[in-house]
Amino acid sequence: MTPEQTEHRVFLNRYYTAARPIYDVTRKYYLFGRDRALEELLASPWASLVEVGPGTGRNLEILQRRRPWALYGGIEAADAMLERAAARCPWARFQRAFAEDADYAAVLAAPPQRILFSYCLSMVQRREEALQRALSQVAPGGEVHVVDFADLRGLPRPLAAGLRAWLELYRVTPLEPGWLAGLGADMVLGPGRYYVLARLRRPR
């Protein structure tokens, strides 16, 4: 682990230790597009999924309820959230790691057929490296799905500027849709370009 990752983990643990008791209640008011991303995932057949940054385990719990026969896992850098997700999702397997260094095959003992980043990639320090690693380790023919803050350019300028400044306090940097498009992602932008849904496929 690099010194930058060590410092970032300290920040994540400090932040999430304070936030986790109210995390799910508060996030529903501004982490838009998550349920749309889950519906898109459930629209295709797969039997294994790893979520990067599962937080409290909210998404994994919803997916497992709808597709209980699948295998589920998570990659989590924050100890505070890893503890919470593991308690909420005892049927899932977890790895304490950063997205840039994760060993996806080790989580479920085989490459997962789907990998999900839900409002996680915008907090990753080396996001392109993390996304390329996920794409290289998802099963052949599998998919990497992303839902996260987009460039906010469809919002009124004062609102977008205020939101960006607020997000920066928590080390969140919205994703540029052009960057995702350059990686070959299929994309849908939410209202006001507030969020982006992206899907990247690994060839068979």
N, C-alpha and C. Protein backbone atom coordinates (compact mmCIF):
# COMPACT_ATOMS: atom_id res chain seq x y z
N MET A 1 0.84 -1.19 0.00
CA MET A 1 0.00 0.00 0.00
C MET A 1 0.88 1.24 0.00
N THR A 2 0.59 2.17 -0.89
CA THR A 2 1.38 3.39 -1.00
C THR A 2 1.06 4.35 0.15
N PRO A 3 1.95 5.33 0.42
CA PRO A 3 1.63 6.33 1.44
C PRO A 3 0.33 7.08 1.15
N GLU A 4 0.07 7.33 -0.14
CA GLU A 4 -1.18 8.02 -0.50
C GLU A 4 -2.39 7.16 -0.15
N GLN A 5 -2.31 5.85 -0.40
CA GLN A 5 -3.42 4.96 -0.06
C GLN A 5 -3.60 4.86 1.46
N THR A 6 -2.49 4.82 2.19
CA THR A 6 -2.59 4.77 3.64
C THR A 6 -3.31 6.00 4.17
N GLU A 7 -2.93 7.17 3.66
CA GLU A 7 -3.58 8.41 4.10
C GLU A 7 -5.04 8.43 3.70
N HIS A 8 -5.33 7.92 2.49
CA HIS A 8 -6.72 7.92 2.01
C HIS A 8 -7.58 6.97 2.85
N ARG A 9 -7.03 5.84 3.24
CA ARG A 9 -7.78 4.91 4.09
C ARG A 9 -8.08 5.54 5.45
N VAL A 10 -7.13 6.28 5.99
CA VAL A 10 -7.38 6.99 7.25
C VAL A 10 -8.55 7.96 7.09
N PHE A 11 -8.54 8.70 5.97
CA PHE A 11 -9.64 9.62 5.71
C PHE A 11 -10.97 8.88 5.59
N LEU A 12 -10.98 7.78 4.81
CA LEU A 12 -12.22 7.02 4.61
C LEU A 12 -12.75 6.47 5.92
N ASN A 13 -11.87 5.92 6.75
CA ASN A 13 -12.32 5.36 8.02
C ASN A 13 -12.88 6.44 8.94
N ARG A 14 -12.21 7.58 8.96
CA ARG A 14 -12.70 8.68 9.80
C ARG A 14 -14.07 9.16 9.33
N TYR A 15 -14.20 9.33 8.02
CA TYR A 15 -15.45 9.83 7.46
C TYR A 15 -16.59 8.82 7.62
N TYR A 16 -16.35 7.57 7.25
CA TYR A 16 -17.43 6.59 7.26
C TYR A 16 -17.78 6.10 8.66
N THR A 17 -16.84 6.14 9.58
CA THR A 17 -17.19 5.79 10.95
C THR A 17 -18.26 6.74 11.48
N ALA A 18 -18.14 8.01 11.11
CA ALA A 18 -19.14 9.00 11.53
C ALA A 18 -20.42 8.90 10.72
N ALA A 19 -20.29 8.57 9.42
CA ALA A 19 -21.45 8.64 8.52
C ALA A 19 -22.28 7.37 8.47
N ARG A 20 -21.70 6.21 8.79
CA ARG A 20 -22.41 4.96 8.51
C ARG A 20 -23.74 4.79 9.24
N PRO A 21 -23.93 5.33 10.46
CA PRO A 21 -25.25 5.14 11.10
C PRO A 21 -26.40 5.78 10.32
N ILE A 22 -26.10 6.84 9.56
CA ILE A 22 -27.17 7.53 8.82
C ILE A 22 -26.94 7.47 7.31
N TYR A 23 -26.01 6.64 6.88
CA TYR A 23 -25.59 6.63 5.48
C TYR A 23 -26.76 6.36 4.54
N ASP A 24 -27.48 5.27 4.74
CA ASP A 24 -28.55 4.90 3.80
C ASP A 24 -29.69 5.90 3.81
N VAL A 25 -29.99 6.46 4.96
CA VAL A 25 -31.09 7.42 5.06
C VAL A 25 -30.78 8.69 4.28
N THR A 26 -29.55 9.17 4.38
CA THR A 26 -29.20 10.44 3.74
C THR A 26 -28.87 10.28 2.26
N ARG A 27 -28.28 9.17 1.87
CA ARG A 27 -27.81 9.03 0.47
C ARG A 27 -28.93 8.93 -0.54
N LYS A 28 -30.10 8.49 -0.13
CA LYS A 28 -31.20 8.36 -1.08
C LYS A 28 -31.63 9.70 -1.64
N TYR A 29 -31.23 10.80 -0.98
CA TYR A 29 -31.63 12.12 -1.44
C TYR A 29 -30.69 12.72 -2.48
N TYR A 30 -29.53 12.09 -2.70
CA TYR A 30 -28.66 12.66 -3.74
C TYR A 30 -27.84 11.63 -4.52
N LEU A 31 -27.86 10.36 -4.16
CA LEU A 31 -27.19 9.35 -4.97
C LEU A 31 -28.20 8.76 -5.95
N PHE A 32 -28.57 9.58 -6.92
CA PHE A 32 -29.61 9.19 -7.87
C PHE A 32 -29.06 8.20 -8.90
N GLY A 33 -29.95 7.39 -9.45
CA GLY A 33 -29.57 6.47 -10.50
C GLY A 33 -29.15 5.10 -10.03
N ARG A 34 -29.02 4.91 -8.73
CA ARG A 34 -28.55 3.61 -8.23
C ARG A 34 -29.55 2.49 -8.56
N ASP A 35 -30.82 2.74 -8.29
CA ASP A 35 -31.81 1.70 -8.55
C ASP A 35 -31.96 1.43 -10.05
N ARG A 36 -31.79 2.47 -10.85
CA ARG A 36 -31.81 2.29 -12.30
C ARG A 36 -30.65 1.40 -12.74
N ALA A 37 -29.50 1.58 -12.13
CA ALA A 37 -28.34 0.74 -12.45
C ALA A 37 -28.59 -0.71 -12.05
N LEU A 38 -29.23 -0.92 -10.90
CA LEU A 38 -29.52 -2.29 -10.46
C LEU A 38 -30.52 -2.96 -11.38
N GLU A 39 -31.52 -2.21 -11.84
CA GLU A 39 -32.49 -2.78 -12.77
C GLU A 39 -31.82 -3.16 -14.09
N GLU A 40 -30.90 -2.35 -14.52
CA GLU A 40 -30.17 -2.66 -15.76
C GLU A 40 -29.33 -3.94 -15.58
N LEU A 41 -28.72 -4.08 -14.42
CA LEU A 41 -27.97 -5.30 -14.15
C LEU A 41 -28.87 -6.52 -14.17
N LEU A 42 -30.02 -6.42 -13.54
CA LEU A 42 -30.93 -7.55 -13.42
C LEU A 42 -31.63 -7.90 -14.72
N ALA A 43 -31.50 -7.05 -15.73
CA ALA A 43 -32.15 -7.31 -17.01
C ALA A 43 -31.40 -8.33 -17.86
N SER A 44 -30.20 -8.70 -17.45
CA SER A 44 -29.42 -9.67 -18.22
C SER A 44 -29.01 -10.84 -17.32
N PRO A 45 -28.72 -12.01 -17.92
CA PRO A 45 -28.35 -13.17 -17.11
C PRO A 45 -26.90 -13.11 -16.64
N TRP A 46 -26.68 -13.38 -15.38
CA TRP A 46 -25.35 -13.54 -14.80
C TRP A 46 -25.52 -14.27 -13.47
N ALA A 47 -24.43 -14.85 -12.99
CA ALA A 47 -24.51 -15.64 -11.77
C ALA A 47 -23.47 -15.26 -10.73
N SER A 48 -22.70 -14.20 -11.00
CA SER A 48 -21.72 -13.75 -10.01
C SER A 48 -21.44 -12.26 -10.21
N LEU A 49 -21.31 -11.55 -9.09
CA LEU A 49 -21.11 -10.09 -9.14
C LEU A 49 -20.26 -9.65 -7.96
N VAL A 50 -19.34 -8.74 -8.24
CA VAL A 50 -18.55 -8.09 -7.19
C VAL A 50 -18.80 -6.60 -7.27
N GLU A 51 -19.15 -5.98 -6.14
CA GLU A 51 -19.32 -4.54 -6.09
C GLU A 51 -18.07 -3.91 -5.47
N VAL A 52 -17.59 -2.86 -6.11
CA VAL A 52 -16.45 -2.10 -5.60
C VAL A 52 -17.00 -0.96 -4.75
N GLY A 53 -16.58 -0.91 -3.49
CA GLY A 53 -17.10 0.09 -2.58
C GLY A 53 -18.55 -0.15 -2.22
N PRO A 54 -18.89 -1.32 -1.68
CA PRO A 54 -20.29 -1.64 -1.40
C PRO A 54 -20.90 -0.83 -0.26
N GLY A 55 -20.07 -0.09 0.48
CA GLY A 55 -20.62 0.73 1.55
C GLY A 55 -21.31 -0.11 2.61
N THR A 56 -22.56 0.18 2.89
CA THR A 56 -23.30 -0.56 3.90
C THR A 56 -23.83 -1.90 3.39
N GLY A 57 -23.64 -2.19 2.10
CA GLY A 57 -24.17 -3.42 1.52
C GLY A 57 -25.56 -3.27 0.94
N ARG A 58 -26.02 -2.03 0.83
CA ARG A 58 -27.39 -1.77 0.37
C ARG A 58 -27.66 -2.37 -1.02
N ASN A 59 -26.77 -2.12 -1.98
CA ASN A 59 -27.00 -2.63 -3.33
C ASN A 59 -26.92 -4.16 -3.38
N LEU A 60 -25.95 -4.72 -2.69
CA LEU A 60 -25.81 -6.17 -2.69
C LEU A 60 -27.05 -6.83 -2.09
N GLU A 61 -27.61 -6.24 -1.05
CA GLU A 61 -28.81 -6.80 -0.43
C GLU A 61 -29.98 -6.80 -1.41
N ILE A 62 -30.14 -5.71 -2.15
CA ILE A 62 -31.23 -5.63 -3.13
C ILE A 62 -31.03 -6.66 -4.24
N LEU A 63 -29.82 -6.77 -4.74
CA LEU A 63 -29.56 -7.73 -5.82
C LEU A 63 -29.76 -9.17 -5.35
N GLN A 64 -29.28 -9.47 -4.14
CA GLN A 64 -29.41 -10.84 -3.63
C GLN A 64 -30.87 -11.21 -3.39
N ARG A 65 -31.68 -10.24 -3.01
CA ARG A 65 -33.09 -10.49 -2.82
C ARG A 65 -33.78 -10.85 -4.14
N ARG A 66 -33.34 -10.20 -5.20
CA ARG A 66 -33.93 -10.43 -6.51
C ARG A 66 -33.31 -11.64 -7.23
N ARG A 67 -32.04 -11.92 -6.95
CA ARG A 67 -31.34 -13.03 -7.61
C ARG A 67 -30.56 -13.82 -6.56
N PRO A 68 -31.26 -14.59 -5.73
CA PRO A 68 -30.63 -15.24 -4.58
C PRO A 68 -29.68 -16.37 -4.93
N TRP A 69 -29.76 -16.90 -6.14
CA TRP A 69 -28.89 -18.02 -6.51
C TRP A 69 -27.49 -17.57 -6.94
N ALA A 70 -27.30 -16.28 -7.15
CA ALA A 70 -26.00 -15.78 -7.62
C ALA A 70 -25.00 -15.68 -6.47
N LEU A 71 -23.72 -15.60 -6.83
CA LEU A 71 -22.64 -15.38 -5.87
C LEU A 71 -22.32 -13.88 -5.82
N TYR A 72 -22.09 -13.37 -4.62
CA TYR A 72 -21.85 -11.93 -4.46
C TYR A 72 -20.60 -11.69 -3.64
N GLY A 73 -19.93 -10.60 -4.00
CA GLY A 73 -18.75 -10.20 -3.25
C GLY A 73 -18.56 -8.70 -3.27
N GLY A 74 -17.59 -8.22 -2.50
CA GLY A 74 -17.32 -6.80 -2.45
C GLY A 74 -15.85 -6.51 -2.24
N ILE A 75 -15.41 -5.39 -2.82
CA ILE A 75 -14.06 -4.86 -2.60
C ILE A 75 -14.23 -3.56 -1.84
N GLU A 76 -13.65 -3.45 -0.67
CA GLU A 76 -13.87 -2.25 0.15
C GLU A 76 -12.56 -1.79 0.79
N ALA A 77 -12.25 -0.50 0.62
CA ALA A 77 -11.03 0.06 1.20
C ALA A 77 -11.23 0.55 2.62
N ALA A 78 -12.46 0.92 2.96
CA ALA A 78 -12.73 1.49 4.29
C ALA A 78 -13.11 0.39 5.28
N ASP A 79 -12.33 0.27 6.34
CA ASP A 79 -12.61 -0.76 7.35
C ASP A 79 -13.99 -0.58 7.96
N ALA A 80 -14.38 0.69 8.18
CA ALA A 80 -15.66 0.97 8.82
C ALA A 80 -16.83 0.44 8.00
N MET A 81 -16.76 0.59 6.68
CA MET A 81 -17.85 0.12 5.83
C MET A 81 -17.75 -1.37 5.55
N LEU A 82 -16.54 -1.90 5.50
CA LEU A 82 -16.37 -3.34 5.31
C LEU A 82 -17.05 -4.10 6.44
N GLU A 83 -16.87 -3.63 7.64
CA GLU A 83 -17.50 -4.26 8.81
C GLU A 83 -19.03 -4.22 8.69
N ARG A 84 -19.54 -3.07 8.26
CA ARG A 84 -21.00 -2.90 8.14
C ARG A 84 -21.57 -3.79 7.03
N ALA A 85 -20.91 -3.81 5.87
CA ALA A 85 -21.39 -4.61 4.74
C ALA A 85 -21.34 -6.10 5.06
N ALA A 86 -20.27 -6.54 5.72
CA ALA A 86 -20.15 -7.96 6.05
C ALA A 86 -21.23 -8.40 7.02
N ALA A 87 -21.60 -7.54 7.95
CA ALA A 87 -22.66 -7.88 8.89
C ALA A 87 -24.02 -7.91 8.20
N ARG A 88 -24.24 -7.03 7.27
CA ARG A 88 -25.52 -6.96 6.56
C ARG A 88 -25.67 -8.05 5.52
N CYS A 89 -24.55 -8.47 4.94
CA CYS A 89 -24.58 -9.44 3.83
C CYS A 89 -23.69 -10.64 4.17
N PRO A 90 -24.08 -11.47 5.13
CA PRO A 90 -23.24 -12.59 5.55
C PRO A 90 -23.04 -13.65 4.47
N TRP A 91 -23.88 -13.63 3.44
CA TRP A 91 -23.79 -14.57 2.33
C TRP A 91 -22.80 -14.11 1.26
N ALA A 92 -22.25 -12.91 1.40
CA ALA A 92 -21.29 -12.37 0.43
C ALA A 92 -19.87 -12.53 0.94
N ARG A 93 -18.93 -12.47 0.02
CA ARG A 93 -17.51 -12.55 0.36
C ARG A 93 -16.86 -11.20 0.08
N PHE A 94 -15.98 -10.79 0.97
CA PHE A 94 -15.40 -9.45 0.86
C PHE A 94 -13.88 -9.49 0.88
N GLN A 95 -13.30 -8.50 0.22
CA GLN A 95 -11.84 -8.33 0.21
C GLN A 95 -11.53 -6.89 0.61
N ARG A 96 -10.62 -6.73 1.56
CA ARG A 96 -10.17 -5.40 1.97
C ARG A 96 -9.08 -4.95 1.01
N ALA A 97 -9.42 -4.02 0.13
CA ALA A 97 -8.46 -3.61 -0.90
C ALA A 97 -8.93 -2.33 -1.56
N PHE A 98 -7.99 -1.67 -2.23
CA PHE A 98 -8.32 -0.54 -3.08
C PHE A 98 -8.64 -1.06 -4.48
N ALA A 99 -9.49 -0.33 -5.19
CA ALA A 99 -9.92 -0.78 -6.52
C ALA A 99 -8.75 -0.92 -7.48
N GLU A 100 -7.71 -0.10 -7.29
CA GLU A 100 -6.56 -0.16 -8.19
C GLU A 100 -5.76 -1.45 -8.03
N ASP A 101 -5.89 -2.11 -6.88
CA ASP A 101 -5.07 -3.28 -6.57
C ASP A 101 -5.87 -4.56 -6.36
N ALA A 102 -7.16 -4.49 -6.53
CA ALA A 102 -8.04 -5.61 -6.17
C ALA A 102 -7.75 -6.86 -7.00
N ASP A 103 -7.90 -8.01 -6.36
CA ASP A 103 -7.81 -9.31 -7.03
C ASP A 103 -9.22 -9.88 -7.10
N TYR A 104 -9.93 -9.58 -8.17
CA TYR A 104 -11.34 -9.93 -8.27
C TYR A 104 -11.58 -11.44 -8.27
N ALA A 105 -10.70 -12.18 -8.92
CA ALA A 105 -10.88 -13.63 -8.99
C ALA A 105 -10.78 -14.26 -7.61
N ALA A 106 -10.01 -13.64 -6.72
CA ALA A 106 -9.83 -14.21 -5.38
C ALA A 106 -11.07 -14.04 -4.51
N VAL A 107 -11.90 -13.07 -4.82
CA VAL A 107 -13.08 -12.82 -3.99
C VAL A 107 -14.05 -13.98 -4.06
N LEU A 108 -14.37 -14.42 -5.28
CA LEU A 108 -15.35 -15.49 -5.46
C LEU A 108 -14.71 -16.77 -5.99
N ALA A 109 -13.38 -16.84 -5.95
CA ALA A 109 -12.63 -18.01 -6.43
C ALA A 109 -12.75 -18.19 -7.93
N ALA A 110 -13.20 -17.17 -8.64
CA ALA A 110 -13.30 -17.19 -10.10
C ALA A 110 -13.61 -15.76 -10.54
N PRO A 111 -13.25 -15.38 -11.77
CA PRO A 111 -13.58 -14.03 -12.24
C PRO A 111 -15.09 -13.81 -12.22
N PRO A 112 -15.56 -12.70 -11.66
CA PRO A 112 -17.01 -12.43 -11.63
C PRO A 112 -17.53 -12.07 -13.02
N GLN A 113 -18.80 -12.35 -13.23
CA GLN A 113 -19.42 -12.03 -14.52
C GLN A 113 -19.84 -10.57 -14.60
N ARG A 114 -20.02 -9.94 -13.47
CA ARG A 114 -20.36 -8.52 -13.42
C ARG A 114 -19.56 -7.85 -12.30
N ILE A 115 -19.13 -6.60 -12.55
CA ILE A 115 -18.50 -5.77 -11.54
C ILE A 115 -19.26 -4.44 -11.52
N LEU A 116 -19.58 -3.96 -10.33
CA LEU A 116 -20.36 -2.75 -10.17
C LEU A 116 -19.60 -1.70 -9.37
N PHE A 117 -19.51 -0.48 -9.92
CA PHE A 117 -19.04 0.70 -9.20
C PHE A 117 -20.24 1.61 -9.00
N SER A 118 -20.74 1.74 -7.80
CA SER A 118 -21.89 2.60 -7.52
C SER A 118 -21.46 3.77 -6.64
N TYR A 119 -21.33 4.94 -7.24
CA TYR A 119 -20.88 6.14 -6.54
C TYR A 119 -19.60 5.85 -5.76
N CYS A 120 -18.71 5.15 -6.42
CA CYS A 120 -17.42 4.77 -5.83
C CYS A 120 -16.27 5.32 -6.66
N LEU A 121 -16.39 5.22 -7.98
CA LEU A 121 -15.27 5.58 -8.85
C LEU A 121 -14.88 7.05 -8.70
N SER A 122 -15.84 7.89 -8.37
CA SER A 122 -15.55 9.32 -8.19
C SER A 122 -14.70 9.60 -6.96
N MET A 123 -14.52 8.60 -6.09
CA MET A 123 -13.67 8.75 -4.90
C MET A 123 -12.35 7.99 -5.04
N VAL A 124 -12.18 7.27 -6.14
CA VAL A 124 -10.95 6.48 -6.34
C VAL A 124 -9.83 7.41 -6.79
N GLN A 125 -8.66 7.23 -6.22
CA GLN A 125 -7.53 8.12 -6.52
C GLN A 125 -7.01 7.92 -7.94
N ARG A 126 -6.87 6.67 -8.37
CA ARG A 126 -6.38 6.38 -9.72
C ARG A 126 -7.49 5.67 -10.48
N ARG A 127 -8.47 6.45 -10.91
CA ARG A 127 -9.72 5.86 -11.41
C ARG A 127 -9.56 5.11 -12.72
N GLU A 128 -8.73 5.62 -13.63
CA GLU A 128 -8.59 4.89 -14.89
C GLU A 128 -7.91 3.55 -14.66
N GLU A 129 -6.91 3.55 -13.81
CA GLU A 129 -6.23 2.29 -13.47
C GLU A 129 -7.22 1.32 -12.82
N ALA A 130 -8.08 1.83 -11.95
CA ALA A 130 -9.06 0.98 -11.28
C ALA A 130 -10.07 0.41 -12.26
N LEU A 131 -10.53 1.24 -13.18
CA LEU A 131 -11.53 0.77 -14.14
C LEU A 131 -10.93 -0.23 -15.12
N GLN A 132 -9.71 0.03 -15.58
CA GLN A 132 -9.06 -0.90 -16.50
C GLN A 132 -8.76 -2.23 -15.80
N ARG A 133 -8.43 -2.17 -14.53
CA ARG A 133 -8.17 -3.41 -13.79
C ARG A 133 -9.45 -4.24 -13.69
N ALA A 134 -10.56 -3.58 -13.39
CA ALA A 134 -11.84 -4.30 -13.31
C ALA A 134 -12.19 -4.92 -14.66
N LEU A 135 -11.99 -4.17 -15.73
CA LEU A 135 -12.33 -4.66 -17.06
C LEU A 135 -11.44 -5.84 -17.46
N SER A 136 -10.20 -5.83 -17.00
CA SER A 136 -9.30 -6.94 -17.34
C SER A 136 -9.56 -8.18 -16.50
N GLN A 137 -10.24 -8.02 -15.35
CA GLN A 137 -10.44 -9.15 -14.45
C GLN A 137 -11.88 -9.66 -14.40
N VAL A 138 -12.81 -8.94 -15.03
CA VAL A 138 -14.15 -9.49 -15.14
C VAL A 138 -14.09 -10.69 -16.09
N ALA A 139 -15.01 -11.62 -15.95
CA ALA A 139 -14.98 -12.83 -16.78
C ALA A 139 -15.10 -12.47 -18.26
N PRO A 140 -14.48 -13.24 -19.15
CA PRO A 140 -14.64 -12.99 -20.58
C PRO A 140 -16.13 -12.94 -20.95
N GLY A 141 -16.52 -11.92 -21.70
CA GLY A 141 -17.92 -11.73 -22.02
C GLY A 141 -18.69 -11.01 -20.93
N GLY A 142 -18.02 -10.69 -19.81
CA GLY A 142 -18.67 -10.02 -18.70
C GLY A 142 -18.72 -8.52 -18.87
N GLU A 143 -19.27 -7.84 -17.87
CA GLU A 143 -19.48 -6.40 -17.97
C GLU A 143 -19.10 -5.70 -16.67
N VAL A 144 -18.63 -4.46 -16.82
CA VAL A 144 -18.38 -3.56 -15.70
C VAL A 144 -19.42 -2.45 -15.78
N HIS A 145 -20.18 -2.24 -14.72
CA HIS A 145 -21.24 -1.23 -14.69
C HIS A 145 -20.84 -0.12 -13.73
N VAL A 146 -21.10 1.12 -14.13
CA VAL A 146 -20.76 2.29 -13.32
C VAL A 146 -21.98 3.20 -13.21
N VAL A 147 -22.29 3.64 -12.00
CA VAL A 147 -23.24 4.74 -11.80
C VAL A 147 -22.55 5.72 -10.86
N ASP A 148 -22.54 7.00 -11.26
CA ASP A 148 -21.78 7.97 -10.46
C ASP A 148 -22.17 9.38 -10.90
N PHE A 149 -21.62 10.36 -10.18
CA PHE A 149 -21.82 11.75 -10.56
C PHE A 149 -21.23 11.99 -11.94
N ALA A 150 -21.98 12.70 -12.80
CA ALA A 150 -21.47 13.10 -14.11
C ALA A 150 -20.94 14.53 -14.02
N ASP A 151 -20.85 15.22 -15.16
CA ASP A 151 -20.19 16.53 -15.16
C ASP A 151 -21.08 17.68 -14.69
N LEU A 152 -22.37 17.42 -14.43
CA LEU A 152 -23.30 18.42 -13.84
C LEU A 152 -23.57 19.60 -14.77
N ARG A 153 -23.20 19.49 -16.04
CA ARG A 153 -23.28 20.65 -16.94
C ARG A 153 -24.71 21.00 -17.35
N GLY A 154 -25.66 20.15 -17.06
CA GLY A 154 -27.04 20.48 -17.35
C GLY A 154 -27.75 21.19 -16.22
N LEU A 155 -27.06 21.37 -15.11
CA LEU A 155 -27.64 22.07 -13.95
C LEU A 155 -27.36 23.57 -14.06
N PRO A 156 -28.15 24.41 -13.39
CA PRO A 156 -27.82 25.84 -13.33
C PRO A 156 -26.41 26.02 -12.77
N ARG A 157 -25.66 26.97 -13.33
CA ARG A 157 -24.25 27.12 -12.96
C ARG A 157 -24.02 27.30 -11.46
N PRO A 158 -24.78 28.13 -10.77
CA PRO A 158 -24.54 28.28 -9.33
C PRO A 158 -24.75 26.96 -8.57
N LEU A 159 -25.77 26.21 -8.98
CA LEU A 159 -26.04 24.94 -8.32
C LEU A 159 -24.92 23.95 -8.59
N ALA A 160 -24.47 23.87 -9.84
CA ALA A 160 -23.39 22.95 -10.19
C ALA A 160 -22.10 23.33 -9.47
N ALA A 161 -21.81 24.63 -9.39
CA ALA A 161 -20.59 25.07 -8.71
C ALA A 161 -20.64 24.76 -7.22
N GLY A 162 -21.80 24.98 -6.61
CA GLY A 162 -21.95 24.67 -5.19
C GLY A 162 -21.83 23.19 -4.91
N LEU A 163 -22.42 22.38 -5.79
CA LEU A 163 -22.35 20.93 -5.60
C LEU A 163 -20.92 20.43 -5.75
N ARG A 164 -20.21 20.94 -6.76
CA ARG A 164 -18.82 20.54 -6.94
C ARG A 164 -17.97 20.89 -5.71
N ALA A 165 -18.18 22.09 -5.18
CA ALA A 165 -17.41 22.51 -4.01
C ALA A 165 -17.72 21.63 -2.80
N TRP A 166 -18.99 21.26 -2.64
CA TRP A 166 -19.39 20.39 -1.53
C TRP A 166 -18.78 19.01 -1.69
N LEU A 167 -18.81 18.47 -2.92
CA LEU A 167 -18.24 17.15 -3.16
C LEU A 167 -16.74 17.12 -2.91
N GLU A 168 -16.06 18.21 -3.25
CA GLU A 168 -14.61 18.26 -3.05
C GLU A 168 -14.23 18.11 -1.58
N LEU A 169 -15.11 18.55 -0.69
CA LEU A 169 -14.83 18.40 0.74
C LEU A 169 -14.69 16.93 1.13
N TYR A 170 -15.34 16.06 0.38
CA TYR A 170 -15.33 14.62 0.67
C TYR A 170 -14.50 13.84 -0.35
N ARG A 171 -13.63 14.56 -1.06
CA ARG A 171 -12.71 13.96 -2.04
C ARG A 171 -13.46 13.25 -3.17
N VAL A 172 -14.56 13.82 -3.57
CA VAL A 172 -15.36 13.28 -4.67
C VAL A 172 -15.18 14.16 -5.89
N THR A 173 -14.77 13.57 -7.01
CA THR A 173 -14.60 14.29 -8.27
C THR A 173 -15.52 13.66 -9.31
N PRO A 174 -16.55 14.39 -9.77
CA PRO A 174 -17.48 13.82 -10.76
C PRO A 174 -16.75 13.29 -11.99
N LEU A 175 -17.37 12.30 -12.63
CA LEU A 175 -16.77 11.67 -13.81
C LEU A 175 -17.09 12.47 -15.06
N GLU A 176 -16.14 12.52 -15.98
CA GLU A 176 -16.36 13.15 -17.27
C GLU A 176 -16.91 12.10 -18.24
N PRO A 177 -18.13 12.29 -18.75
CA PRO A 177 -18.68 11.31 -19.69
C PRO A 177 -17.79 11.07 -20.91
N GLY A 178 -17.09 12.12 -21.36
CA GLY A 178 -16.19 11.95 -22.50
C GLY A 178 -15.07 10.97 -22.22
N TRP A 179 -14.61 10.95 -20.97
CA TRP A 179 -13.58 9.99 -20.59
C TRP A 179 -14.11 8.57 -20.68
N LEU A 180 -15.32 8.36 -20.17
CA LEU A 180 -15.92 7.03 -20.25
C LEU A 180 -16.18 6.62 -21.69
N ALA A 181 -16.64 7.56 -22.50
CA ALA A 181 -16.89 7.25 -23.91
C ALA A 181 -15.59 6.85 -24.61
N GLY A 182 -14.50 7.51 -24.24
CA GLY A 182 -13.20 7.18 -24.83
C GLY A 182 -12.72 5.79 -24.48
N LEU A 183 -13.24 5.25 -23.39
CA LEU A 183 -12.90 3.87 -22.99
C LEU A 183 -13.84 2.85 -23.62
N GLY A 184 -14.79 3.34 -24.42
CA GLY A 184 -15.71 2.44 -25.11
C GLY A 184 -16.97 2.12 -24.36
N ALA A 185 -17.33 2.94 -23.39
CA ALA A 185 -18.51 2.66 -22.58
C ALA A 185 -19.79 3.03 -23.31
N ASP A 186 -20.83 2.21 -23.12
CA ASP A 186 -22.19 2.60 -23.47
C ASP A 186 -22.72 3.44 -22.31
N MET A 187 -23.32 4.60 -22.61
CA MET A 187 -23.66 5.52 -21.53
C MET A 187 -25.07 6.06 -21.66
N VAL A 188 -25.65 6.38 -20.50
CA VAL A 188 -26.89 7.13 -20.39
C VAL A 188 -26.67 8.19 -19.33
N LEU A 189 -27.03 9.45 -19.64
CA LEU A 189 -26.88 10.53 -18.67
C LEU A 189 -28.22 10.83 -18.02
N GLY A 190 -28.20 11.04 -16.71
CA GLY A 190 -29.40 11.38 -15.98
C GLY A 190 -29.77 12.84 -16.19
N PRO A 191 -30.94 13.26 -15.71
CA PRO A 191 -31.38 14.65 -15.86
C PRO A 191 -30.35 15.65 -15.35
N GLY A 192 -30.12 16.70 -16.14
CA GLY A 192 -29.15 17.71 -15.75
C GLY A 192 -27.71 17.23 -15.80
N ARG A 193 -27.50 16.07 -16.42
CA ARG A 193 -26.16 15.44 -16.43
C ARG A 193 -25.63 15.28 -15.00
N TYR A 194 -26.60 15.03 -14.09
CA TYR A 194 -26.26 14.86 -12.67
C TYR A 194 -25.51 13.54 -12.47
N TYR A 195 -26.00 12.49 -13.09
CA TYR A 195 -25.33 11.20 -12.96
C TYR A 195 -25.17 10.54 -14.31
N VAL A 196 -24.29 9.57 -14.36
CA VAL A 196 -24.04 8.81 -15.58
C VAL A 196 -24.16 7.32 -15.26
N LEU A 197 -24.79 6.60 -16.15
CA LEU A 197 -24.80 5.14 -16.13
C LEU A 197 -23.92 4.68 -17.29
N ALA A 198 -22.95 3.85 -17.00
CA ALA A 198 -22.03 3.38 -18.04
C ALA A 198 -21.85 1.88 -17.95
N ARG A 199 -21.64 1.28 -19.10
CA ARG A 199 -21.42 -0.17 -19.16
C ARG A 199 -20.28 -0.44 -20.11
N LEU A 200 -19.31 -1.21 -19.64
CA LEU A 200 -18.17 -1.61 -20.46
C LEU A 200 -18.15 -3.13 -20.55
N ARG A 201 -17.94 -3.66 -21.72
CA ARG A 201 -17.94 -5.11 -21.92
C ARG A 201 -16.51 -5.62 -22.20
N ARG A 202 -16.22 -6.78 -21.64
CA ARG A 202 -14.98 -7.45 -21.96
C ARG A 202 -15.26 -8.49 -23.05
N PRO A 203 -14.51 -8.47 -24.15
CA PRO A 203 -14.76 -9.45 -25.21
C PRO A 203 -14.57 -10.88 -24.71
N ARG A 204 -15.24 -11.79 -25.35
CA ARG A 204 -15.08 -13.21 -24.98
C ARG A 204 -13.74 -13.73 -25.46
